[in-house]
Amino acid sequence: MSIYATLWSLKFPRYGDHYVGCEWIEVTAQGVPAHVGTPTPGFGYEDGDPYAEFLPPPVEVTADGDSEFMRAVVIITEETEKGTARSDQEYVDPLLVLSGRDYASISFVALHERVCDALRSKGPRVVAQSFTADGGVQLILSDGRIVDSRKR
């Protein structure tokens, strides 16, 4: 049984920047309910939280297992693997891991920016594009380089 519940899936530019002809990748938000790993007695975690090494801290819940916020939201791509030596529930290299409180308070614009930054990794941003005489597209990157969009 998974500790995750799918919240949404959207298509994002594979490398974090939209340009003519860019590839797209599915990005999914996986929510972790508040009761998972909770320190609240009666939920089966009295001996400790088995997810503490890869999720934000657990949250207190009501007797019904409810809380104002989820424990966490993990943002992954369709290529993100699940299951590590540490835990079958851990995602290998997720794009983002947010506490439920942080997820609830972030604007869509800020979340979009963080997802695009994560997809881009440490690479430069596309700041402009231009069309070539042969119908191709050149990308002008924030580090000053100009690259053919087909080679990105």
C-alpha atoms as a PDB file:
ATOM      1  CA  MET A   1       0.000   0.000   0.000  1.00  0.00           C
ATOM      2  CA  SER A   2       1.306   3.420  -0.914  1.00  0.00           C
ATOM      3  CA  ILE A   3       1.550   6.352   1.481  1.00  0.00           C
ATOM      4  CA  TYR A   4       0.879   8.726  -1.430  1.00  0.00           C
ATOM      5  CA  ALA A   5      -2.306  10.075  -2.995  1.00  0.00           C
ATOM      6  CA  THR A   6      -2.156  11.761  -6.394  1.00  0.00           C
ATOM      7  CA  LEU A   7      -3.228  15.399  -6.146  1.00  0.00           C
ATOM      8  CA  TRP A   8      -2.695  16.475  -9.759  1.00  0.00           C
ATOM      9  CA  SER A   9      -0.723  15.847 -12.951  1.00  0.00           C
ATOM     10  CA  LEU A  10       0.285  18.539 -15.437  1.00  0.00           C
ATOM     11  CA  LYS A  11       2.541  18.775 -18.472  1.00  0.00           C
ATOM     12  CA  PHE A  12       5.642  20.955 -18.078  1.00  0.00           C
ATOM     13  CA  PRO A  13       8.465  21.740 -20.511  1.00  0.00           C
ATOM     14  CA  ARG A  14      10.954  18.875 -20.048  1.00  0.00           C
ATOM     15  CA  TYR A  15      13.880  21.211 -19.403  1.00  0.00           C
ATOM     16  CA  GLY A  16      11.949  23.880 -17.513  1.00  0.00           C
ATOM     17  CA  ASP A  17      11.589  26.416 -20.328  1.00  0.00           C
ATOM     18  CA  HIS A  18       8.881  26.741 -22.957  1.00  0.00           C
ATOM     19  CA  TYR A  19      10.015  27.396 -26.520  1.00  0.00           C
ATOM     20  CA  VAL A  20       8.875  26.422 -30.007  1.00  0.00           C
ATOM     21  CA  GLY A  21       9.284  22.668 -30.356  1.00  0.00           C
ATOM     22  CA  CYS A  22      10.150  21.940 -26.715  1.00  0.00           C
ATOM     23  CA  GLU A  23       9.470  18.502 -25.306  1.00  0.00           C
ATOM     24  CA  TRP A  24       6.903  18.056 -22.531  1.00  0.00           C
ATOM     25  CA  ILE A  25       6.953  15.809 -19.478  1.00  0.00           C
ATOM     26  CA  GLU A  26       4.213  14.867 -17.037  1.00  0.00           C
ATOM     27  CA  VAL A  27       4.737  16.225 -13.530  1.00  0.00           C
ATOM     28  CA  THR A  28       2.667  14.832 -10.656  1.00  0.00           C
ATOM     29  CA  ALA A  29       2.047  16.004  -7.103  1.00  0.00           C
ATOM     30  CA  GLN A  30       1.817  13.152  -4.608  1.00  0.00           C
ATOM     31  CA  GLY A  31       0.295  14.072  -1.245  1.00  0.00           C
ATOM     32  CA  VAL A  32       1.164  12.288   1.981  1.00  0.00           C
ATOM     33  CA  PRO A  33      -1.776  12.367   4.416  1.00  0.00           C
ATOM     34  CA  ALA A  34      -1.183  13.856   7.855  1.00  0.00           C
ATOM     35  CA  HIS A  35      -1.686  10.567   9.720  1.00  0.00           C
ATOM     36  CA  VAL A  36       1.310   8.923   8.001  1.00  0.00           C
ATOM     37  CA  GLY A  37       4.065   8.679  10.627  1.00  0.00           C
ATOM     38  CA  THR A  38       2.153  10.878  13.074  1.00  0.00           C
ATOM     39  CA  PRO A  39       3.400  11.078  16.663  1.00  0.00           C
ATOM     40  CA  THR A  40      -0.238  11.116  17.802  1.00  0.00           C
ATOM     41  CA  PRO A  41      -0.830   7.916  19.839  1.00  0.00           C
ATOM     42  CA  GLY A  42      -3.086   5.266  18.380  1.00  0.00           C
ATOM     43  CA  PHE A  43      -1.982   5.385  14.750  1.00  0.00           C
ATOM     44  CA  GLY A  44       0.679   2.692  14.928  1.00  0.00           C
ATOM     45  CA  TYR A  45       3.786   4.845  14.957  1.00  0.00           C
ATOM     46  CA  GLU A  46       4.522   4.674  18.678  1.00  0.00           C
ATOM     47  CA  ASP A  47       7.893   3.033  17.903  1.00  0.00           C
ATOM     48  CA  GLY A  48       8.911   5.824  15.538  1.00  0.00           C
ATOM     49  CA  ASP A  49       8.375   7.291  12.120  1.00  0.00           C
ATOM     50  CA  PRO A  50       9.658   5.004   9.334  1.00  0.00           C
ATOM     51  CA  TYR A  51       9.514   7.900   6.834  1.00  0.00           C
ATOM     52  CA  ALA A  52      11.475  10.489   8.833  1.00  0.00           C
ATOM     53  CA  GLU A  53      14.601  10.192   6.690  1.00  0.00           C
ATOM     54  CA  PHE A  54      12.940  11.308   3.454  1.00  0.00           C
ATOM     55  CA  LEU A  55       9.792  13.250   4.366  1.00  0.00           C
ATOM     56  CA  PRO A  56       9.273  16.500   6.263  1.00  0.00           C
ATOM     57  CA  PRO A  57       8.502  16.081   9.973  1.00  0.00           C
ATOM     58  CA  PRO A  58       5.235  14.338  10.866  1.00  0.00           C
ATOM     59  CA  VAL A  59       2.247  16.287  12.141  1.00  0.00           C
ATOM     60  CA  GLU A  60      -0.166  15.821  15.020  1.00  0.00           C
ATOM     61  CA  VAL A  61      -3.638  14.667  14.012  1.00  0.00           C
ATOM     62  CA  THR A  62      -7.060  14.502  15.633  1.00  0.00           C
ATOM     63  CA  ALA A  63      -8.516  11.222  16.889  1.00  0.00           C
ATOM     64  CA  ASP A  64     -10.014  10.834  13.397  1.00  0.00           C
ATOM     65  CA  GLY A  65      -6.605  11.273  11.750  1.00  0.00           C
ATOM     66  CA  ASP A  66      -7.332  14.749  10.450  1.00  0.00           C
ATOM     67  CA  SER A  67      -5.059  17.776  10.392  1.00  0.00           C
ATOM     68  CA  GLU A  68      -5.155  21.213   8.833  1.00  0.00           C
ATOM     69  CA  PHE A  69      -2.323  20.245   6.463  1.00  0.00           C
ATOM     70  CA  MET A  70      -1.007  17.125   4.789  1.00  0.00           C
ATOM     71  CA  ARG A  71       2.305  15.856   6.033  1.00  0.00           C
ATOM     72  CA  ALA A  72       4.028  16.389   2.700  1.00  0.00           C
ATOM     73  CA  VAL A  73       3.663  16.866  -1.027  1.00  0.00           C
ATOM     74  CA  VAL A  74       6.249  15.212  -3.241  1.00  0.00           C
ATOM     75  CA  ILE A  75       6.549  16.495  -6.815  1.00  0.00           C
ATOM     76  CA  ILE A  76       7.780  13.890  -9.305  1.00  0.00           C
ATOM     77  CA  THR A  77       7.986  13.303 -13.049  1.00  0.00           C
ATOM     78  CA  GLU A  78       6.742  10.317 -14.989  1.00  0.00           C
ATOM     79  CA  GLU A  79      10.373   9.117 -14.981  1.00  0.00           C
ATOM     80  CA  THR A  80      10.904   9.316 -11.207  1.00  0.00           C
ATOM     81  CA  GLU A  81      11.576   5.904  -9.724  1.00  0.00           C
ATOM     82  CA  LYS A  82      10.029   4.762  -6.473  1.00  0.00           C
ATOM     83  CA  GLY A  83      11.768   2.504  -3.991  1.00  0.00           C
ATOM     84  CA  THR A  84      15.225   2.794  -2.475  1.00  0.00           C
ATOM     85  CA  ALA A  85      17.379   0.613  -0.250  1.00  0.00           C
ATOM     86  CA  ARG A  86      16.130   2.740   2.643  1.00  0.00           C
ATOM     87  CA  SER A  87      12.384   2.438   1.892  1.00  0.00           C
ATOM     88  CA  ASP A  88      10.049   1.105  -0.790  1.00  0.00           C
ATOM     89  CA  GLN A  89       8.005   4.294  -0.249  1.00  0.00           C
ATOM     90  CA  GLU A  90      10.850   6.723  -1.001  1.00  0.00           C
ATOM     91  CA  TYR A  91      11.071   8.345  -4.420  1.00  0.00           C
ATOM     92  CA  VAL A  92      14.495   8.416  -6.041  1.00  0.00           C
ATOM     93  CA  ASP A  93      15.430  12.038  -6.794  1.00  0.00           C
ATOM     94  CA  PRO A  94      12.023  13.762  -6.670  1.00  0.00           C
ATOM     95  CA  LEU A  95      11.812  17.276  -8.118  1.00  0.00           C
ATOM     96  CA  LEU A  96      10.559  18.819  -4.857  1.00  0.00           C
ATOM     97  CA  VAL A  97       9.523  17.730  -1.387  1.00  0.00           C
ATOM     98  CA  LEU A  98       7.369  20.249   0.474  1.00  0.00           C
ATOM     99  CA  SER A  99       5.745  20.139   3.883  1.00  0.00           C
ATOM    100  CA  GLY A 100       1.963  20.186   3.732  1.00  0.00           C
ATOM    101  CA  ARG A 101       1.979  23.653   5.305  1.00  0.00           C
ATOM    102  CA  ASP A 102       4.418  24.982   2.674  1.00  0.00           C
ATOM    103  CA  TYR A 103       2.379  23.448  -0.154  1.00  0.00           C
ATOM    104  CA  ALA A 104      -0.835  24.996   1.167  1.00  0.00           C
ATOM    105  CA  SER A 105       0.736  28.442   1.363  1.00  0.00           C
ATOM    106  CA  ILE A 106       2.641  28.573  -1.942  1.00  0.00           C
ATOM    107  CA  SER A 107       1.068  30.343  -4.902  1.00  0.00           C
ATOM    108  CA  PHE A 108       0.716  28.521  -8.202  1.00  0.00           C
ATOM    109  CA  VAL A 109       3.121  30.985  -9.805  1.00  0.00           C
ATOM    110  CA  ALA A 110       5.784  30.263  -7.164  1.00  0.00           C
ATOM    111  CA  LEU A 111       5.203  26.496  -7.377  1.00  0.00           C
ATOM    112  CA  HIS A 112       5.430  26.619 -11.183  1.00  0.00           C
ATOM    113  CA  GLU A 113       8.722  28.504 -10.912  1.00  0.00           C
ATOM    114  CA  ARG A 114      10.156  25.997  -8.436  1.00  0.00           C
ATOM    115  CA  VAL A 115       9.116  23.023 -10.610  1.00  0.00           C
ATOM    116  CA  CYS A 116      10.635  24.657 -13.724  1.00  0.00           C
ATOM    117  CA  ASP A 117      13.840  25.456 -11.804  1.00  0.00           C
ATOM    118  CA  ALA A 118      14.035  21.816 -10.679  1.00  0.00           C
ATOM    119  CA  LEU A 119      13.474  20.554 -14.235  1.00  0.00           C
ATOM    120  CA  ARG A 120      16.151  22.938 -15.494  1.00  0.00           C
ATOM    121  CA  SER A 121      18.509  21.693 -12.765  1.00  0.00           C
ATOM    122  CA  LYS A 122      21.495  23.973 -12.683  1.00  0.00           C
ATOM    123  CA  GLY A 123      21.329  24.784 -16.375  1.00  0.00           C
ATOM    124  CA  PRO A 124      20.800  28.258 -17.812  1.00  0.00           C
ATOM    125  CA  ARG A 125      17.332  29.591 -18.599  1.00  0.00           C
ATOM    126  CA  VAL A 126      16.051  30.176 -22.114  1.00  0.00           C
ATOM    127  CA  VAL A 127      15.680  33.954 -22.343  1.00  0.00           C
ATOM    128  CA  ALA A 128      14.766  34.251 -26.032  1.00  0.00           C
ATOM    129  CA  GLN A 129      14.327  32.267 -29.213  1.00  0.00           C
ATOM    130  CA  SER A 130      14.867  33.140 -32.832  1.00  0.00           C
ATOM    131  CA  PHE A 131      13.945  31.466 -36.081  1.00  0.00           C
ATOM    132  CA  THR A 132      16.664  30.523 -38.559  1.00  0.00           C
ATOM    133  CA  ALA A 133      16.436  30.746 -42.340  1.00  0.00           C
ATOM    134  CA  ASP A 134      16.120  26.936 -42.585  1.00  0.00           C
ATOM    135  CA  GLY A 135      13.068  26.901 -40.280  1.00  0.00           C
ATOM    136  CA  GLY A 136      14.954  25.918 -37.144  1.00  0.00           C
ATOM    137  CA  VAL A 137      14.870  27.594 -33.783  1.00  0.00           C
ATOM    138  CA  GLN A 138      17.850  28.985 -31.916  1.00  0.00           C
ATOM    139  CA  LEU A 139      17.648  29.398 -28.164  1.00  0.00           C
ATOM    140  CA  ILE A 140      19.437  32.241 -26.425  1.00  0.00           C
ATOM    141  CA  LEU A 141      20.396  31.124 -22.924  1.00  0.00           C
ATOM    142  CA  SER A 142      20.914  33.205 -19.811  1.00  0.00           C
ATOM    143  CA  ASP A 143      24.640  32.389 -19.863  1.00  0.00           C
ATOM    144  CA  GLY A 144      24.970  33.997 -23.321  1.00  0.00           C
ATOM    145  CA  ARG A 145      25.192  30.792 -25.339  1.00  0.00           C
ATOM    146  CA  ILE A 146      23.094  30.292 -28.459  1.00  0.00           C
ATOM    147  CA  VAL A 147      22.026  26.691 -29.133  1.00  0.00           C
ATOM    148  CA  ASP A 148      19.936  24.876 -31.704  1.00  0.00           C
ATOM    149  CA  SER A 149      16.659  23.846 -30.039  1.00  0.00           C
ATOM    150  CA  ARG A 150      16.880  20.393 -31.668  1.00  0.00           C
ATOM    151  CA  LYS A 151      20.123  19.719 -29.768  1.00  0.00           C
ATOM    152  CA  ARG A 152      18.832  20.608 -26.323  1.00  0.00           C
END
